[in-house]
């Protein structure tokens, strides 16, 4: 009689354990469905962030003509700006910073990066030309 009570008690404990396991599994299934939506939303935001990203202006003959600097100087300034500034941080859009602020920032950053004075001058000319270009022909 005692062994049959133990068997009944054992099976009751197994049933309670299985019922609890079903509750937990059901919760995990809901969480997985929720997580799919969260991951989808995060994925959409990441893709939207990549699509909305603007590119640093590339020097062309119109930029050179509008700024009064040679295309070769602007190309060198652009190359130094993208390669050297991009080593430590994302290069900023030239139009997002005023010429006055660039004149303060560039010398310090050029010194930190070990950029020569001639390359620093080319970067400044490129940044100025890119700012003029972003404002359009009416600003020239």
N, C-alpha and C. Protein backbone atom coordinates (compact mmCIF):
# COMPACT_ATOMS: atom_id res chain seq x y z
N UNK A 1 0.81 -1.17 0.00
CA UNK A 1 0.00 0.00 0.00
C UNK A 1 0.87 1.26 0.00
N UNK A 2 1.95 1.25 0.75
CA UNK A 2 2.84 2.39 0.81
C UNK A 2 3.52 2.62 -0.52
N UNK A 3 3.86 1.54 -1.23
CA UNK A 3 4.51 1.70 -2.52
C UNK A 3 3.56 2.28 -3.56
N UNK A 4 2.25 1.94 -3.49
CA UNK A 4 1.30 2.50 -4.45
C UNK A 4 1.09 3.99 -4.18
N UNK A 5 1.14 4.41 -2.91
CA UNK A 5 1.04 5.83 -2.57
C UNK A 5 2.26 6.58 -3.12
N UNK A 6 3.44 5.97 -3.01
CA UNK A 6 4.66 6.59 -3.54
C UNK A 6 4.57 6.72 -5.05
N UNK A 7 4.04 5.71 -5.71
CA UNK A 7 3.90 5.77 -7.17
C UNK A 7 2.93 6.89 -7.56
N UNK A 8 1.82 7.00 -6.85
CA UNK A 8 0.83 8.05 -7.15
C UNK A 8 1.46 9.43 -6.91
N UNK A 9 2.14 9.58 -5.77
CA UNK A 9 2.80 10.84 -5.45
C UNK A 9 3.85 11.18 -6.51
N UNK A 10 4.61 10.19 -6.95
CA UNK A 10 5.63 10.40 -7.98
C UNK A 10 5.00 10.87 -9.28
N UNK A 11 3.90 10.21 -9.72
CA UNK A 11 3.25 10.59 -10.98
C UNK A 11 2.60 11.96 -10.87
N UNK A 12 2.11 12.33 -9.71
CA UNK A 12 1.55 13.67 -9.52
C UNK A 12 2.66 14.72 -9.67
N UNK A 13 3.82 14.45 -9.08
CA UNK A 13 4.94 15.37 -9.21
C UNK A 13 5.40 15.49 -10.67
N UNK A 14 5.41 14.37 -11.38
CA UNK A 14 5.79 14.39 -12.81
C UNK A 14 4.79 15.23 -13.59
N UNK A 15 3.47 15.04 -13.31
CA UNK A 15 2.45 15.80 -14.02
C UNK A 15 2.59 17.30 -13.73
N UNK A 16 2.83 17.68 -12.49
CA UNK A 16 3.01 19.08 -12.13
C UNK A 16 4.24 19.65 -12.86
N UNK A 17 5.31 18.88 -12.88
CA UNK A 17 6.53 19.31 -13.58
C UNK A 17 6.27 19.51 -15.07
N UNK A 18 5.56 18.57 -15.70
CA UNK A 18 5.25 18.68 -17.13
C UNK A 18 4.35 19.88 -17.39
N UNK A 19 3.36 20.11 -16.54
CA UNK A 19 2.48 21.26 -16.71
C UNK A 19 3.27 22.58 -16.60
N UNK A 20 4.17 22.65 -15.64
CA UNK A 20 5.01 23.85 -15.50
C UNK A 20 5.91 24.02 -16.72
N UNK A 21 6.42 22.92 -17.22
CA UNK A 21 7.27 22.97 -18.40
C UNK A 21 6.49 23.49 -19.61
N UNK A 22 5.24 23.08 -19.75
CA UNK A 22 4.40 23.56 -20.85
C UNK A 22 4.17 25.07 -20.74
N UNK A 23 3.97 25.56 -19.51
CA UNK A 23 3.77 26.99 -19.30
C UNK A 23 5.02 27.77 -19.70
N UNK A 24 6.18 27.27 -19.27
CA UNK A 24 7.44 27.92 -19.61
C UNK A 24 7.68 27.86 -21.11
N UNK A 25 7.43 26.71 -21.73
CA UNK A 25 7.64 26.58 -23.17
C UNK A 25 6.70 27.51 -23.93
N UNK A 26 5.45 27.62 -23.48
CA UNK A 26 4.51 28.54 -24.13
C UNK A 26 4.97 29.97 -24.02
N UNK A 27 5.53 30.34 -22.87
CA UNK A 27 6.08 31.67 -22.69
C UNK A 27 7.26 31.92 -23.60
N UNK A 28 8.11 30.91 -23.77
CA UNK A 28 9.26 31.06 -24.66
C UNK A 28 8.83 31.20 -26.11
N UNK A 29 7.78 30.47 -26.48
CA UNK A 29 7.28 30.60 -27.86
C UNK A 29 6.77 32.01 -28.11
N UNK A 30 6.05 32.58 -27.14
CA UNK A 30 5.58 33.95 -27.28
C UNK A 30 6.77 34.90 -27.35
N UNK A 31 7.78 34.65 -26.51
CA UNK A 31 8.95 35.51 -26.50
C UNK A 31 9.67 35.42 -27.83
N UNK A 32 9.77 34.25 -28.39
CA UNK A 32 10.43 34.11 -29.69
C UNK A 32 9.68 34.88 -30.77
N UNK A 33 8.34 34.84 -30.74
CA UNK A 33 7.57 35.62 -31.70
C UNK A 33 7.79 37.11 -31.49
N UNK A 34 7.82 37.53 -30.24
CA UNK A 34 8.08 38.93 -29.91
C UNK A 34 9.48 39.33 -30.35
N UNK A 35 10.44 38.45 -30.09
CA UNK A 35 11.82 38.74 -30.46
C UNK A 35 11.97 38.87 -31.98
N UNK A 36 11.19 38.09 -32.72
CA UNK A 36 11.24 38.21 -34.19
C UNK A 36 10.84 39.62 -34.61
N UNK A 37 9.80 40.18 -33.97
CA UNK A 37 9.37 41.54 -34.30
C UNK A 37 10.42 42.56 -33.89
N UNK A 38 11.02 42.35 -32.73
CA UNK A 38 12.05 43.27 -32.26
C UNK A 38 13.23 43.26 -33.22
N UNK A 39 13.66 42.06 -33.61
CA UNK A 39 14.78 41.95 -34.54
C UNK A 39 14.43 42.55 -35.91
N UNK A 40 13.21 42.38 -36.35
CA UNK A 40 12.79 42.97 -37.62
C UNK A 40 12.84 44.49 -37.55
N UNK A 41 12.35 45.07 -36.47
CA UNK A 41 12.37 46.53 -36.31
C UNK A 41 13.80 47.04 -36.25
N UNK A 42 14.66 46.35 -35.51
CA UNK A 42 16.06 46.77 -35.42
C UNK A 42 16.71 46.67 -36.80
N UNK A 43 16.43 45.60 -37.52
CA UNK A 43 16.99 45.44 -38.87
C UNK A 43 16.56 46.55 -39.81
N UNK A 44 15.30 46.92 -39.76
CA UNK A 44 14.79 48.00 -40.61
C UNK A 44 15.49 49.32 -40.26
N UNK A 45 15.68 49.57 -38.98
CA UNK A 45 16.35 50.81 -38.55
C UNK A 45 17.80 50.85 -39.02
N UNK A 46 18.47 49.72 -38.96
CA UNK A 46 19.86 49.66 -39.41
C UNK A 46 19.94 49.92 -40.91
N UNK A 47 19.08 49.27 -41.67
CA UNK A 47 19.08 49.48 -43.12
C UNK A 47 18.73 50.92 -43.45
N UNK A 48 17.75 51.48 -42.77
CA UNK A 48 17.37 52.88 -43.02
C UNK A 48 18.53 53.82 -42.69
N UNK A 49 19.26 53.52 -41.63
CA UNK A 49 20.41 54.33 -41.27
C UNK A 49 21.50 54.28 -42.33
N UNK A 50 21.68 53.13 -42.93
CA UNK A 50 22.70 53.00 -43.97
C UNK A 50 22.28 53.69 -45.25
N UNK A 51 21.01 53.62 -45.58
CA UNK A 51 20.52 54.23 -46.81
C UNK A 51 20.56 55.75 -46.72
N UNK A 52 20.23 56.29 -45.55
CA UNK A 52 20.16 57.74 -45.40
C UNK A 52 21.54 58.39 -45.30
N UNK A 53 22.56 57.60 -45.19
CA UNK A 53 23.90 58.15 -45.02
C UNK A 53 24.34 58.88 -46.30
N UNK A 54 24.84 60.08 -46.13
CA UNK A 54 25.31 60.86 -47.27
C UNK A 54 26.80 60.65 -47.45
N UNK A 55 27.25 60.83 -48.68
CA UNK A 55 28.66 60.64 -48.97
C UNK A 55 29.39 61.97 -48.94
N UNK A 56 30.65 61.88 -48.54
CA UNK A 56 31.52 63.04 -48.55
C UNK A 56 31.69 63.47 -50.01
N UNK A 57 31.52 64.75 -50.33
CA UNK A 57 31.62 65.20 -51.72
C UNK A 57 33.00 64.91 -52.33
N UNK A 58 32.98 64.44 -53.55
CA UNK A 58 34.21 64.14 -54.28
C UNK A 58 34.51 65.34 -55.18
N UNK A 59 35.74 65.83 -55.16
CA UNK A 59 36.08 66.99 -55.99
C UNK A 59 35.89 66.71 -57.48
N UNK A 60 35.38 67.70 -58.17
CA UNK A 60 35.26 67.63 -59.62
C UNK A 60 35.63 69.00 -60.19
N UNK A 61 35.54 69.12 -61.50
CA UNK A 61 35.95 70.38 -62.14
C UNK A 61 35.06 71.55 -61.72
N UNK A 62 33.77 71.28 -61.49
CA UNK A 62 32.86 72.34 -61.06
C UNK A 62 33.25 72.84 -59.67
N UNK A 63 33.62 71.93 -58.77
CA UNK A 63 34.05 72.32 -57.43
C UNK A 63 35.33 73.13 -57.51
N UNK A 64 36.24 72.71 -58.36
CA UNK A 64 37.51 73.42 -58.52
C UNK A 64 37.28 74.82 -59.08
N UNK A 65 36.43 74.91 -60.09
CA UNK A 65 36.15 76.21 -60.70
C UNK A 65 35.45 77.14 -59.71
N UNK A 66 34.52 76.60 -58.94
CA UNK A 66 33.78 77.42 -57.98
C UNK A 66 34.63 77.90 -56.81
N UNK A 67 35.65 77.12 -56.46
CA UNK A 67 36.47 77.48 -55.30
C UNK A 67 37.71 78.28 -55.67
N UNK A 68 38.13 78.17 -56.92
CA UNK A 68 39.34 78.85 -57.35
C UNK A 68 40.61 78.08 -57.03
N UNK A 69 40.48 76.82 -56.59
CA UNK A 69 41.64 75.97 -56.30
C UNK A 69 41.75 74.91 -57.39
N UNK A 70 42.95 74.40 -57.59
CA UNK A 70 43.14 73.39 -58.63
C UNK A 70 42.46 72.08 -58.24
N UNK A 71 42.02 71.35 -59.25
CA UNK A 71 41.37 70.06 -59.03
C UNK A 71 42.34 69.11 -58.33
N UNK A 72 43.62 69.17 -58.70
CA UNK A 72 44.61 68.29 -58.09
C UNK A 72 44.74 68.56 -56.58
N UNK A 73 44.74 69.81 -56.18
CA UNK A 73 44.82 70.17 -54.75
C UNK A 73 43.59 69.66 -54.01
N UNK A 74 42.41 69.86 -54.61
CA UNK A 74 41.18 69.41 -53.97
C UNK A 74 41.14 67.90 -53.85
N UNK A 75 41.62 67.21 -54.89
CA UNK A 75 41.65 65.75 -54.83
C UNK A 75 42.61 65.26 -53.75
N UNK A 76 43.75 65.90 -53.62
CA UNK A 76 44.70 65.53 -52.57
C UNK A 76 44.09 65.81 -51.19
N UNK A 77 43.45 66.96 -51.04
CA UNK A 77 42.80 67.29 -49.77
C UNK A 77 41.71 66.30 -49.41
N UNK A 78 40.92 65.91 -50.41
CA UNK A 78 39.86 64.92 -50.20
C UNK A 78 40.45 63.58 -49.78
N UNK A 79 41.50 63.15 -50.47
CA UNK A 79 42.13 61.86 -50.16
C UNK A 79 42.69 61.85 -48.75
N UNK A 80 43.36 62.92 -48.36
CA UNK A 80 43.92 63.01 -47.01
C UNK A 80 42.79 63.06 -45.98
N UNK A 81 41.76 63.83 -46.27
CA UNK A 81 40.63 63.96 -45.34
C UNK A 81 39.96 62.61 -45.09
N UNK A 82 39.67 61.88 -46.16
CA UNK A 82 38.98 60.60 -46.01
C UNK A 82 39.88 59.56 -45.36
N UNK A 83 41.14 59.49 -45.80
CA UNK A 83 42.01 58.43 -45.28
C UNK A 83 42.52 58.73 -43.87
N UNK A 84 42.96 59.94 -43.62
CA UNK A 84 43.56 60.25 -42.32
C UNK A 84 42.49 60.49 -41.24
N UNK A 85 41.47 61.27 -41.56
CA UNK A 85 40.44 61.54 -40.56
C UNK A 85 39.61 60.28 -40.30
N UNK A 86 39.45 59.47 -41.35
CA UNK A 86 38.69 58.24 -41.23
C UNK A 86 39.39 57.15 -40.44
N UNK A 87 40.66 57.36 -40.13
CA UNK A 87 41.37 56.35 -39.32
C UNK A 87 40.84 56.33 -37.89
N UNK A 88 40.48 57.48 -37.37
CA UNK A 88 40.07 57.57 -35.96
C UNK A 88 38.57 57.75 -35.78
N UNK A 89 37.91 58.37 -36.73
CA UNK A 89 36.48 58.63 -36.59
C UNK A 89 35.86 58.79 -37.97
N UNK A 90 34.56 58.83 -38.01
CA UNK A 90 33.83 59.02 -39.26
C UNK A 90 34.05 60.46 -39.74
N UNK A 91 34.55 60.64 -40.97
CA UNK A 91 34.73 62.01 -41.47
C UNK A 91 33.37 62.74 -41.51
N UNK A 92 33.37 63.98 -41.08
CA UNK A 92 32.14 64.77 -41.06
C UNK A 92 31.88 65.36 -42.44
N UNK A 93 30.61 65.60 -42.71
CA UNK A 93 30.26 66.32 -43.93
C UNK A 93 30.83 67.72 -43.81
N UNK A 94 31.58 68.18 -44.81
CA UNK A 94 32.16 69.53 -44.73
C UNK A 94 31.13 70.61 -44.49
N UNK A 95 29.92 70.43 -45.00
CA UNK A 95 28.90 71.47 -44.86
C UNK A 95 28.31 71.55 -43.46
N UNK A 96 28.57 70.58 -42.62
CA UNK A 96 28.01 70.55 -41.26
C UNK A 96 28.81 71.40 -40.27
N UNK A 97 29.99 71.84 -40.68
CA UNK A 97 30.86 72.62 -39.80
C UNK A 97 31.21 73.93 -40.51
N UNK A 98 31.22 75.02 -39.77
CA UNK A 98 31.53 76.31 -40.38
C UNK A 98 33.02 76.40 -40.73
N UNK A 99 33.35 77.30 -41.66
CA UNK A 99 34.75 77.51 -42.02
C UNK A 99 35.57 77.93 -40.81
N UNK A 100 34.98 78.75 -39.96
CA UNK A 100 35.69 79.21 -38.75
C UNK A 100 36.04 78.03 -37.85
N UNK A 101 35.09 77.11 -37.69
CA UNK A 101 35.34 75.95 -36.84
C UNK A 101 36.36 75.00 -37.49
N UNK A 102 36.28 74.85 -38.82
CA UNK A 102 37.29 74.00 -39.48
C UNK A 102 38.69 74.57 -39.26
N UNK A 103 38.81 75.91 -39.26
CA UNK A 103 40.13 76.53 -39.06
C UNK A 103 40.67 76.26 -37.65
N UNK A 104 39.80 75.97 -36.72
CA UNK A 104 40.23 75.63 -35.36
C UNK A 104 40.52 74.13 -35.25
N UNK A 105 39.64 73.32 -35.83
CA UNK A 105 39.72 71.86 -35.67
C UNK A 105 40.85 71.24 -36.48
N UNK A 106 40.96 71.62 -37.75
CA UNK A 106 41.91 70.95 -38.65
C UNK A 106 43.36 71.04 -38.18
N UNK A 107 43.87 72.20 -37.77
CA UNK A 107 45.28 72.22 -37.34
C UNK A 107 45.57 71.27 -36.18
N UNK A 108 44.68 71.22 -35.21
CA UNK A 108 44.90 70.32 -34.08
C UNK A 108 44.85 68.86 -34.49
N UNK A 109 43.87 68.51 -35.32
CA UNK A 109 43.75 67.13 -35.78
C UNK A 109 44.91 66.76 -36.70
N UNK A 110 45.33 67.70 -37.52
CA UNK A 110 46.46 67.43 -38.41
C UNK A 110 47.73 67.16 -37.60
N UNK A 111 47.91 67.92 -36.53
CA UNK A 111 49.07 67.70 -35.67
C UNK A 111 48.99 66.32 -35.00
N UNK A 112 47.78 65.96 -34.51
CA UNK A 112 47.59 64.65 -33.87
C UNK A 112 47.86 63.51 -34.85
N UNK A 113 47.45 63.68 -36.10
CA UNK A 113 47.58 62.62 -37.09
C UNK A 113 48.94 62.63 -37.79
N UNK A 114 49.74 63.66 -37.54
CA UNK A 114 51.05 63.73 -38.19
C UNK A 114 50.96 64.10 -39.66
N UNK A 115 49.99 64.92 -40.01
CA UNK A 115 49.80 65.35 -41.40
C UNK A 115 50.70 66.55 -41.67
N UNK A 116 51.33 66.55 -42.84
CA UNK A 116 52.23 67.65 -43.20
C UNK A 116 51.44 68.95 -43.38
N UNK A 117 52.15 70.07 -43.34
CA UNK A 117 51.48 71.37 -43.49
C UNK A 117 50.89 71.52 -44.88
N UNK A 118 51.56 70.97 -45.90
CA UNK A 118 51.01 71.08 -47.26
C UNK A 118 49.72 70.26 -47.38
N UNK A 119 49.70 69.07 -46.77
CA UNK A 119 48.47 68.27 -46.81
C UNK A 119 47.37 68.93 -45.97
N UNK A 120 47.75 69.54 -44.86
CA UNK A 120 46.78 70.27 -44.04
C UNK A 120 46.14 71.40 -44.85
N UNK A 121 46.97 72.11 -45.61
CA UNK A 121 46.46 73.19 -46.46
C UNK A 121 45.53 72.65 -47.53
N UNK A 122 45.88 71.49 -48.11
CA UNK A 122 45.01 70.89 -49.13
C UNK A 122 43.68 70.46 -48.53
N UNK A 123 43.71 69.94 -47.31
CA UNK A 123 42.47 69.56 -46.62
C UNK A 123 41.60 70.78 -46.38
N UNK A 124 42.21 71.88 -45.92
CA UNK A 124 41.43 73.10 -45.68
C UNK A 124 40.80 73.62 -46.98
N UNK A 125 41.57 73.58 -48.06
CA UNK A 125 41.03 74.04 -49.35
C UNK A 125 39.89 73.14 -49.80
N UNK A 126 40.05 71.82 -49.61
CA UNK A 126 38.98 70.89 -49.98
C UNK A 126 37.73 71.15 -49.14
N UNK A 127 37.88 71.30 -47.84
CA UNK A 127 36.72 71.52 -46.97
C UNK A 127 35.99 72.81 -47.33
N UNK A 128 36.76 73.86 -47.62
CA UNK A 128 36.15 75.13 -48.03
C UNK A 128 35.39 74.96 -49.35
N UNK A 129 36.02 74.29 -50.31
CA UNK A 129 35.38 74.08 -51.62
C UNK A 129 34.14 73.21 -51.48
N UNK A 130 34.20 72.18 -50.65
CA UNK A 130 33.04 71.30 -50.46
C UNK A 130 31.90 72.05 -49.80
N UNK A 131 32.23 72.95 -48.88
CA UNK A 131 31.18 73.76 -48.25
C UNK A 131 30.52 74.68 -49.29
N UNK A 132 31.34 75.30 -50.14
CA UNK A 132 30.78 76.15 -51.20
C UNK A 132 29.89 75.34 -52.12
N UNK A 133 30.35 74.16 -52.47
CA UNK A 133 29.61 73.28 -53.39
C UNK A 133 28.26 72.89 -52.79
N UNK A 134 28.22 72.63 -51.48
CA UNK A 134 26.97 72.20 -50.85
C UNK A 134 25.94 73.32 -50.79
N UNK A 135 26.41 74.57 -50.81
CA UNK A 135 25.48 75.71 -50.77
C UNK A 135 24.90 76.05 -52.13
N UNK A 136 25.50 75.50 -53.18
CA UNK A 136 24.99 75.72 -54.53
C UNK A 136 25.59 76.93 -55.18
N UNK A 137 25.25 77.16 -56.45
CA UNK A 137 25.86 78.24 -57.23
C UNK A 137 25.52 79.63 -56.71
N UNK A 138 24.39 79.81 -56.01
CA UNK A 138 24.00 81.15 -55.58
C UNK A 138 24.96 81.71 -54.53
N UNK A 139 25.75 80.84 -53.84
CA UNK A 139 26.63 81.32 -52.78
C UNK A 139 27.99 81.74 -53.32
N UNK A 140 28.25 81.50 -54.57
CA UNK A 140 29.58 81.80 -55.13
C UNK A 140 29.69 83.18 -55.59
